[in-house]
Amino acid sequence: MTVPSHPSHPSNLAASVKRPVVVVELVAADLNANGGVFCPSPKADMKLWNTHPKVYLDVAHSGEAKCPYCGTVYRLRAGETVRAGH
C-alpha cells in the first residue's frame, strides 16, 4: 500500500507535527545498576496510562539517550560520574 503524497492527507500530518524536545536532567543516582533509565518516566512528568510502551535507555554509555517513541532526551548532569553497579 502506498501513502498518498498530498501534504494534507491525514497519514502525513502526524509526521509534520513538531513536538518540543523534552530534556530530563539526571544525576547518577537516578540510573539503575546497569546505567540506564526507562521511558516513560516519572522524571519526565509522564503519566504511564497515556504514553508509549516501556523502553530501556542506556544513559551511562554516552551521557545521554533519546527515547525512540516520544523523543524525550535523558541526559546526565554535567560533572556526574557513573560507577559500575552503583
PDB file of N, CA and C in Angstrom:
ATOM      1  N   MET A   1       0.840  -1.177   0.000  1.00  0.00           N
ATOM      2  CA  MET A   1       0.000   0.000   0.000  1.00  0.00           C
ATOM      3  C   MET A   1       0.885   1.239   0.000  1.00  0.00           C
ATOM      4  N   THR A   2       0.562   2.176  -0.840  1.00  0.00           N
ATOM      5  CA  THR A   2       1.337   3.407  -0.889  1.00  0.00           C
ATOM      6  C   THR A   2       0.624   4.503  -0.109  1.00  0.00           C
ATOM      7  N   VAL A   3       1.395   5.373   0.481  1.00  0.00           N
ATOM      8  CA  VAL A   3       0.849   6.501   1.234  1.00  0.00           C
ATOM      9  C   VAL A   3       0.680   7.668   0.278  1.00  0.00           C
ATOM     10  N   PRO A   4      -0.507   8.279   0.273  1.00  0.00           N
ATOM     11  CA  PRO A   4      -0.708   9.438  -0.601  1.00  0.00           C
ATOM     12  C   PRO A   4       0.320  10.522  -0.307  1.00  0.00           C
ATOM     13  N   SER A   5       0.776  11.179  -1.361  1.00  0.00           N
ATOM     14  CA  SER A   5       1.832  12.172  -1.184  1.00  0.00           C
ATOM     15  C   SER A   5       1.314  13.571  -0.892  1.00  0.00           C
ATOM     16  N   HIS A   6       0.016  13.764  -0.904  1.00  0.00           N
ATOM     17  CA  HIS A   6      -0.528  15.099  -0.636  1.00  0.00           C
ATOM     18  C   HIS A   6      -0.249  15.488   0.814  1.00  0.00           C
ATOM     19  N   PRO A   7       0.312  16.689   1.076  1.00  0.00           N
ATOM     20  CA  PRO A   7       0.708  17.095   2.428  1.00  0.00           C
ATOM     21  C   PRO A   7      -0.433  17.134   3.439  1.00  0.00           C
ATOM     22  N   SER A   8      -1.666  17.352   2.991  1.00  0.00           N
ATOM     23  CA  SER A   8      -2.757  17.445   3.957  1.00  0.00           C
ATOM     24  C   SER A   8      -3.442  16.107   4.220  1.00  0.00           C
ATOM     25  N   HIS A   9      -2.951  15.033   3.593  1.00  0.00           N
ATOM     26  CA  HIS A   9      -3.522  13.715   3.862  1.00  0.00           C
ATOM     27  C   HIS A   9      -3.250  13.365   5.324  1.00  0.00           C
ATOM     28  N   PRO A  10      -4.241  12.804   6.051  1.00  0.00           N
ATOM     29  CA  PRO A  10      -4.078  12.514   7.486  1.00  0.00           C
ATOM     30  C   PRO A  10      -2.840  11.697   7.823  1.00  0.00           C
ATOM     31  N   SER A  11      -2.446  10.780   6.964  1.00  0.00           N
ATOM     32  CA  SER A  11      -1.269   9.967   7.269  1.00  0.00           C
ATOM     33  C   SER A  11       0.020  10.779   7.228  1.00  0.00           C
ATOM     34  N   ASN A  12       0.005  11.920   6.580  1.00  0.00           N
ATOM     35  CA  ASN A  12       1.195  12.764   6.501  1.00  0.00           C
ATOM     36  C   ASN A  12       1.205  13.866   7.552  1.00  0.00           C
ATOM     37  N   LEU A  13       0.068  14.172   8.134  1.00  0.00           N
ATOM     38  CA  LEU A  13       0.000  15.265   9.105  1.00  0.00           C
ATOM     39  C   LEU A  13       0.745  14.947  10.391  1.00  0.00           C
ATOM     40  N   ALA A  14       0.626  13.717  10.890  1.00  0.00           N
ATOM     41  CA  ALA A  14       1.283  13.360  12.147  1.00  0.00           C
ATOM     42  C   ALA A  14       2.791  13.511  12.042  1.00  0.00           C
ATOM     43  N   ALA A  15       3.353  13.163  10.908  1.00  0.00           N
ATOM     44  CA  ALA A  15       4.799  13.268  10.723  1.00  0.00           C
ATOM     45  C   ALA A  15       5.261  14.713  10.663  1.00  0.00           C
ATOM     46  N   SER A  16       4.369  15.616  10.300  1.00  0.00           N
ATOM     47  CA  SER A  16       4.764  17.013  10.165  1.00  0.00           C
ATOM     48  C   SER A  16       4.589  17.817  11.450  1.00  0.00           C
ATOM     49  N   VAL A  17       3.979  17.216  12.468  1.00  0.00           N
ATOM     50  CA  VAL A  17       3.770  17.922  13.737  1.00  0.00           C
ATOM     51  C   VAL A  17       5.092  17.988  14.488  1.00  0.00           C
ATOM     52  N   LYS A  18       5.513  19.186  14.824  1.00  0.00           N
ATOM     53  CA  LYS A  18       6.759  19.371  15.569  1.00  0.00           C
ATOM     54  C   LYS A  18       6.438  19.438  17.059  1.00  0.00           C
ATOM     55  N   ARG A  19       6.988  18.497  17.805  1.00  0.00           N
ATOM     56  CA  ARG A  19       6.797  18.482  19.248  1.00  0.00           C
ATOM     57  C   ARG A  19       8.040  19.074  19.891  1.00  0.00           C
ATOM     58  N   PRO A  20       7.867  19.802  20.989  1.00  0.00           N
ATOM     59  CA  PRO A  20       9.053  20.334  21.662  1.00  0.00           C
ATOM     60  C   PRO A  20       9.885  19.190  22.239  1.00  0.00           C
ATOM     61  N   VAL A  21      11.191  19.324  22.170  1.00  0.00           N
ATOM     62  CA  VAL A  21      12.082  18.311  22.728  1.00  0.00           C
ATOM     63  C   VAL A  21      12.119  18.482  24.238  1.00  0.00           C
ATOM     64  N   VAL A  22      11.817  17.405  24.937  1.00  0.00           N
ATOM     65  CA  VAL A  22      11.864  17.412  26.393  1.00  0.00           C
ATOM     66  C   VAL A  22      13.207  16.831  26.807  1.00  0.00           C
ATOM     67  N   VAL A  23      13.952  17.566  27.639  1.00  0.00           N
ATOM     68  CA  VAL A  23      15.237  17.089  28.144  1.00  0.00           C
ATOM     69  C   VAL A  23      15.103  16.895  29.645  1.00  0.00           C
ATOM     70  N   VAL A  24      15.406  15.682  30.099  1.00  0.00           N
ATOM     71  CA  VAL A  24      15.346  15.352  31.516  1.00  0.00           C
ATOM     72  C   VAL A  24      16.774  15.242  32.020  1.00  0.00           C
ATOM     73  N   GLU A  25      17.128  16.112  32.962  1.00  0.00           N
ATOM     74  CA  GLU A  25      18.478  16.092  33.527  1.00  0.00           C
ATOM     75  C   GLU A  25      18.520  15.090  34.674  1.00  0.00           C
ATOM     76  N   LEU A  26      19.518  14.213  34.638  1.00  0.00           N
ATOM     77  CA  LEU A  26      19.643  13.147  35.624  1.00  0.00           C
ATOM     78  C   LEU A  26      20.928  13.278  36.422  1.00  0.00           C
ATOM     79  N   VAL A  27      20.896  12.753  37.635  1.00  0.00           N
ATOM     80  CA  VAL A  27      22.111  12.568  38.426  1.00  0.00           C
ATOM     81  C   VAL A  27      22.398  11.071  38.418  1.00  0.00           C
ATOM     82  N   ALA A  28      23.606  10.680  38.785  1.00  0.00           N
ATOM     83  CA  ALA A  28      23.999   9.272  38.731  1.00  0.00           C
ATOM     84  C   ALA A  28      23.049   8.388  39.533  1.00  0.00           C
ATOM     85  N   ALA A  29      22.541   8.880  40.640  1.00  0.00           N
ATOM     86  CA  ALA A  29      21.635   8.091  41.483  1.00  0.00           C
ATOM     87  C   ALA A  29      20.304   7.789  40.792  1.00  0.00           C
ATOM     88  N   ASP A  30      19.963   8.520  39.749  1.00  0.00           N
ATOM     89  CA  ASP A  30      18.724   8.273  39.004  1.00  0.00           C
ATOM     90  C   ASP A  30      18.831   7.047  38.096  1.00  0.00           C
ATOM     91  N   LEU A  31      20.048   6.623  37.794  1.00  0.00           N
ATOM     92  CA  LEU A  31      20.256   5.490  36.893  1.00  0.00           C
ATOM     93  C   LEU A  31      20.146   4.174  37.652  1.00  0.00           C
ATOM     94  N   ASN A  32      19.712   3.125  36.954  1.00  0.00           N
ATOM     95  CA  ASN A  32      19.664   1.818  37.599  1.00  0.00           C
ATOM     96  C   ASN A  32      21.072   1.213  37.624  1.00  0.00           C
ATOM     97  N   ALA A  33      21.194  -0.003  38.142  1.00  0.00           N
ATOM     98  CA  ALA A  33      22.512  -0.633  38.301  1.00  0.00           C
ATOM     99  C   ALA A  33      23.232  -0.852  36.973  1.00  0.00           C
ATOM    100  N   ASN A  34      22.489  -0.868  35.873  1.00  0.00           N
ATOM    101  CA  ASN A  34      23.098  -1.043  34.551  1.00  0.00           C
ATOM    102  C   ASN A  34      23.419   0.277  33.865  1.00  0.00           C
ATOM    103  N   GLY A  35      23.134   1.386  34.534  1.00  0.00           N
ATOM    104  CA  GLY A  35      23.450   2.697  33.974  1.00  0.00           C
ATOM    105  C   GLY A  35      22.387   3.273  33.066  1.00  0.00           C
ATOM    106  N   GLY A  36      21.161   2.843  33.254  1.00  0.00           N
ATOM    107  CA  GLY A  36      20.104   3.328  32.376  1.00  0.00           C
ATOM    108  C   GLY A  36      18.852   3.755  33.110  1.00  0.00           C
ATOM    109  N   VAL A  37      17.882   4.169  32.320  1.00  0.00           N
ATOM    110  CA  VAL A  37      16.561   4.552  32.824  1.00  0.00           C
ATOM    111  C   VAL A  37      15.518   3.963  31.876  1.00  0.00           C
ATOM    112  N   PHE A  38      14.286   3.983  32.321  1.00  0.00           N
ATOM    113  CA  PHE A  38      13.180   3.549  31.478  1.00  0.00           C
ATOM    114  C   PHE A  38      12.341   4.751  31.091  1.00  0.00           C
ATOM    115  N   CYS A  39      11.836   4.725  29.890  1.00  0.00           N
ATOM    116  CA  CYS A  39      10.899   5.736  29.425  1.00  0.00           C
ATOM    117  C   CYS A  39       9.637   4.984  29.022  1.00  0.00           C
ATOM    118  N   PRO A  40       8.474   5.432  29.412  1.00  0.00           N
ATOM    119  CA  PRO A  40       8.156   6.677  30.102  1.00  0.00           C
ATOM    120  C   PRO A  40       8.663   6.656  31.539  1.00  0.00           C
ATOM    121  N   SER A  41       8.899   7.858  32.048  1.00  0.00           N
ATOM    122  CA  SER A  41       9.473   8.012  33.376  1.00  0.00           C
ATOM    123  C   SER A  41       8.768   9.105  34.162  1.00  0.00           C
ATOM    124  N   PRO A  42       8.578   8.877  35.472  1.00  0.00           N
ATOM    125  CA  PRO A  42       8.036   9.950  36.312  1.00  0.00           C
ATOM    126  C   PRO A  42       8.946  11.183  36.304  1.00  0.00           C
ATOM    127  N   LYS A  43      10.245  10.985  36.069  1.00  0.00           N
ATOM    128  CA  LYS A  43      11.185  12.110  35.994  1.00  0.00           C
ATOM    129  C   LYS A  43      10.823  13.058  34.854  1.00  0.00           C
ATOM    130  N   ALA A  44      10.181  12.525  33.823  1.00  0.00           N
ATOM    131  CA  ALA A  44       9.782  13.337  32.674  1.00  0.00           C
ATOM    132  C   ALA A  44       8.340  13.823  32.822  1.00  0.00           C
ATOM    133  N   ASP A  45       7.778  13.643  34.008  1.00  0.00           N
ATOM    134  CA  ASP A  45       6.402  14.057  34.309  1.00  0.00           C
ATOM    135  C   ASP A  45       5.401  13.400  33.361  1.00  0.00           C
ATOM    136  N   MET A  46       5.624  12.111  33.087  1.00  0.00           N
ATOM    137  CA  MET A  46       4.731  11.359  32.204  1.00  0.00           C
ATOM    138  C   MET A  46       3.774  10.517  33.032  1.00  0.00           C
ATOM    139  N   LYS A  47       2.570  10.404  32.570  1.00  0.00           N
ATOM    140  CA  LYS A  47       1.586   9.525  33.182  1.00  0.00           C
ATOM    141  C   LYS A  47       1.645   8.201  32.424  1.00  0.00           C
ATOM    142  N   LEU A  48       1.853   7.115  33.138  1.00  0.00           N
ATOM    143  CA  LEU A  48       2.036   5.822  32.487  1.00  0.00           C
ATOM    144  C   LEU A  48       0.834   5.376  31.664  1.00  0.00           C
ATOM    145  N   TRP A  49      -0.343   5.783  32.034  1.00  0.00           N
ATOM    146  CA  TRP A  49      -1.536   5.295  31.343  1.00  0.00           C
ATOM    147  C   TRP A  49      -1.733   5.924  29.968  1.00  0.00           C
ATOM    148  N   ASN A  50      -1.065   7.008  29.655  1.00  0.00           N
ATOM    149  CA  ASN A  50      -1.316   7.644  28.353  1.00  0.00           C
ATOM    150  C   ASN A  50      -0.051   7.823  27.527  1.00  0.00           C
ATOM    151  N   THR A  51       0.910   6.939  27.700  1.00  0.00           N
ATOM    152  CA  THR A  51       2.163   7.078  26.966  1.00  0.00           C
ATOM    153  C   THR A  51       2.466   5.815  26.162  1.00  0.00           C
ATOM    154  N   HIS A  52       3.666   5.720  25.666  1.00  0.00           N
ATOM    155  CA  HIS A  52       4.098   4.622  24.807  1.00  0.00           C
ATOM    156  C   HIS A  52       4.569   3.420  25.619  1.00  0.00           C
ATOM    157  N   PRO A  53       4.910   2.310  24.957  1.00  0.00           N
ATOM    158  CA  PRO A  53       5.444   1.141  25.664  1.00  0.00           C
ATOM    159  C   PRO A  53       6.746   1.480  26.389  1.00  0.00           C
ATOM    160  N   LYS A  54       7.007   0.767  27.462  1.00  0.00           N
ATOM    161  CA  LYS A  54       8.212   0.982  28.270  1.00  0.00           C
ATOM    162  C   LYS A  54       9.449   0.555  27.475  1.00  0.00           C
ATOM    163  N   VAL A  55      10.467   1.418  27.483  1.00  0.00           N
ATOM    164  CA  VAL A  55      11.699   1.135  26.746  1.00  0.00           C
ATOM    165  C   VAL A  55      12.897   1.487  27.628  1.00  0.00           C
ATOM    166  N   TYR A  56      13.942   0.640  27.578  1.00  0.00           N
ATOM    167  CA  TYR A  56      15.165   0.868  28.351  1.00  0.00           C
ATOM    168  C   TYR A  56      16.121   1.740  27.545  1.00  0.00           C
ATOM    169  N   LEU A  57      16.707   2.734  28.215  1.00  0.00           N
ATOM    170  CA  LEU A  57      17.656   3.640  27.568  1.00  0.00           C
ATOM    171  C   LEU A  57      18.980   3.617  28.330  1.00  0.00           C
ATOM    172  N   ASP A  58      20.059   3.321  27.637  1.00  0.00           N
ATOM    173  CA  ASP A  58      21.395   3.284  28.238  1.00  0.00           C
ATOM    174  C   ASP A  58      21.974   4.698  28.246  1.00  0.00           C
ATOM    175  N   VAL A  59      21.957   5.321  29.401  1.00  0.00           N
ATOM    176  CA  VAL A  59      22.435   6.698  29.540  1.00  0.00           C
ATOM    177  C   VAL A  59      23.924   6.733  29.877  1.00  0.00           C
ATOM    178  N   ALA A  60      24.394   5.776  30.663  1.00  0.00           N
ATOM    179  CA  ALA A  60      25.774   5.797  31.151  1.00  0.00           C
ATOM    180  C   ALA A  60      26.796   5.703  30.028  1.00  0.00           C
ATOM    181  N   HIS A  61      26.469   5.031  28.956  1.00  0.00           N
ATOM    182  CA  HIS A  61      27.435   4.807  27.872  1.00  0.00           C
ATOM    183  C   HIS A  61      27.923   6.114  27.248  1.00  0.00           C
ATOM    184  N   SER A  62      27.003   7.017  26.929  1.00  0.00           N
ATOM    185  CA  SER A  62      27.402   8.258  26.258  1.00  0.00           C
ATOM    186  C   SER A  62      27.023   9.524  27.021  1.00  0.00           C
ATOM    187  N   GLY A  63      26.327   9.356  28.149  1.00  0.00           N
ATOM    188  CA  GLY A  63      25.916  10.529  28.920  1.00  0.00           C
ATOM    189  C   GLY A  63      24.516  11.000  28.603  1.00  0.00           C
ATOM    190  N   GLU A  64      23.923  10.463  27.534  1.00  0.00           N
ATOM    191  CA  GLU A  64      22.537  10.783  27.218  1.00  0.00           C
ATOM    192  C   GLU A  64      21.953   9.723  26.303  1.00  0.00           C
ATOM    193  N   ALA A  65      20.627   9.669  26.295  1.00  0.00           N
ATOM    194  CA  ALA A  65      19.917   8.745  25.412  1.00  0.00           C
ATOM    195  C   ALA A  65      18.581   9.372  25.045  1.00  0.00           C
ATOM    196  N   LYS A  66      18.122   9.072  23.839  1.00  0.00           N
ATOM    197  CA  LYS A  66      16.864   9.631  23.339  1.00  0.00           C
ATOM    198  C   LYS A  66      15.853   8.509  23.140  1.00  0.00           C
ATOM    199  N   CYS A  67      14.659   8.698  23.653  1.00  0.00           N
ATOM    200  CA  CYS A  67      13.596   7.712  23.504  1.00  0.00           C
ATOM    201  C   CYS A  67      13.152   7.649  22.045  1.00  0.00           C
ATOM    202  N   PRO A  68      13.120   6.445  21.464  1.00  0.00           N
ATOM    203  CA  PRO A  68      12.705   6.322  20.068  1.00  0.00           C
ATOM    204  C   PRO A  68      11.209   6.551  19.860  1.00  0.00           C
ATOM    205  N   TYR A  69      10.417   6.497  20.920  1.00  0.00           N
ATOM    206  CA  TYR A  69       8.973   6.691  20.795  1.00  0.00           C
ATOM    207  C   TYR A  69       8.577   8.156  20.896  1.00  0.00           C
ATOM    208  N   CYS A  70       8.985   8.810  21.986  1.00  0.00           N
ATOM    209  CA  CYS A  70       8.495  10.172  22.239  1.00  0.00           C
ATOM    210  C   CYS A  70       9.544  11.250  22.017  1.00  0.00           C
ATOM    211  N   GLY A  71      10.817  10.853  21.848  1.00  0.00           N
ATOM    212  CA  GLY A  71      11.865  11.826  21.602  1.00  0.00           C
ATOM    213  C   GLY A  71      12.435  12.483  22.841  1.00  0.00           C
ATOM    214  N   THR A  72      11.953  12.091  24.028  1.00  0.00           N
ATOM    215  CA  THR A  72      12.490  12.658  25.262  1.00  0.00           C
ATOM    216  C   THR A  72      13.964  12.300  25.380  1.00  0.00           C
ATOM    217  N   VAL A  73      14.780  13.288  25.738  1.00  0.00           N
ATOM    218  CA  VAL A  73      16.214  13.083  25.912  1.00  0.00           C
ATOM    219  C   VAL A  73      16.503  13.009  27.405  1.00  0.00           C
ATOM    220  N   TYR A  74      17.172  11.943  27.814  1.00  0.00           N
ATOM    221  CA  TYR A  74      17.608  11.775  29.201  1.00  0.00           C
ATOM    222  C   TYR A  74      19.104  12.026  29.209  1.00  0.00           C
ATOM    223  N   ARG A  75      19.534  13.028  29.993  1.00  0.00           N
ATOM    224  CA  ARG A  75      20.927  13.475  29.955  1.00  0.00           C
ATOM    225  C   ARG A  75      21.486  13.566  31.372  1.00  0.00           C
ATOM    226  N   LEU A  76      22.711  13.057  31.544  1.00  0.00           N
ATOM    227  CA  LEU A  76      23.389  13.194  32.831  1.00  0.00           C
ATOM    228  C   LEU A  76      23.792  14.642  33.053  1.00  0.00           C
ATOM    229  N   ARG A  77      23.594  15.118  34.257  1.00  0.00           N
ATOM    230  CA  ARG A  77      24.012  16.471  34.618  1.00  0.00           C
ATOM    231  C   ARG A  77      25.524  16.581  34.440  1.00  0.00           C
ATOM    232  N   ALA A  78      25.987  17.712  33.992  1.00  0.00           N
ATOM    233  CA  ALA A  78      27.421  17.946  33.787  1.00  0.00           C
ATOM    234  C   ALA A  78      28.184  17.664  35.077  1.00  0.00           C
ATOM    235  N   GLY A  79      29.265  16.915  34.956  1.00  0.00           N
ATOM    236  CA  GLY A  79      30.103  16.604  36.104  1.00  0.00           C
ATOM    237  C   GLY A  79      29.709  15.341  36.848  1.00  0.00           C
ATOM    238  N   GLU A  80      28.580  14.731  36.496  1.00  0.00           N
ATOM    239  CA  GLU A  80      28.148  13.498  37.161  1.00  0.00           C
ATOM    240  C   GLU A  80      29.031  12.338  36.717  1.00  0.00           C
ATOM    241  N   THR A  81      29.372  11.472  37.648  1.00  0.00           N
ATOM    242  CA  THR A  81      30.186  10.303  37.361  1.00  0.00           C
ATOM    243  C   THR A  81      29.370   9.054  37.636  1.00  0.00           C
ATOM    244  N   VAL A  82      29.374   8.134  36.680  1.00  0.00           N
ATOM    245  CA  VAL A  82      28.646   6.878  36.838  1.00  0.00           C
ATOM    246  C   VAL A  82      29.658   5.781  37.104  1.00  0.00           C
ATOM    247  N   ARG A  83      29.438   5.065  38.195  1.00  0.00           N
ATOM    248  CA  ARG A  83      30.322   3.952  38.550  1.00  0.00           C
ATOM    249  C   ARG A  83      29.577   2.650  38.309  1.00  0.00           C
ATOM    250  N   ALA A  84      30.296   1.613  37.953  1.00  0.00           N
ATOM    251  CA  ALA A  84      29.679   0.309  37.696  1.00  0.00           C
ATOM    252  C   ALA A  84      28.957  -0.195  38.935  1.00  0.00           C
ATOM    253  N   GLY A  85      27.730  -0.649  38.742  1.00  0.00           N
ATOM    254  CA  GLY A  85      26.951  -1.231  39.831  1.00  0.00           C
ATOM    255  C   GLY A  85      26.563  -0.269  40.924  1.00  0.00           C
ATOM    256  N   HIS A  86      26.457   1.014  40.594  1.00  0.00           N
ATOM    257  CA  HIS A  86      26.118   1.980  41.630  1.00  0.00           C
ATOM    258  C   HIS A  86      24.740   1.652  42.114  1.00  0.00           C
TER     259      HIS A  86
END
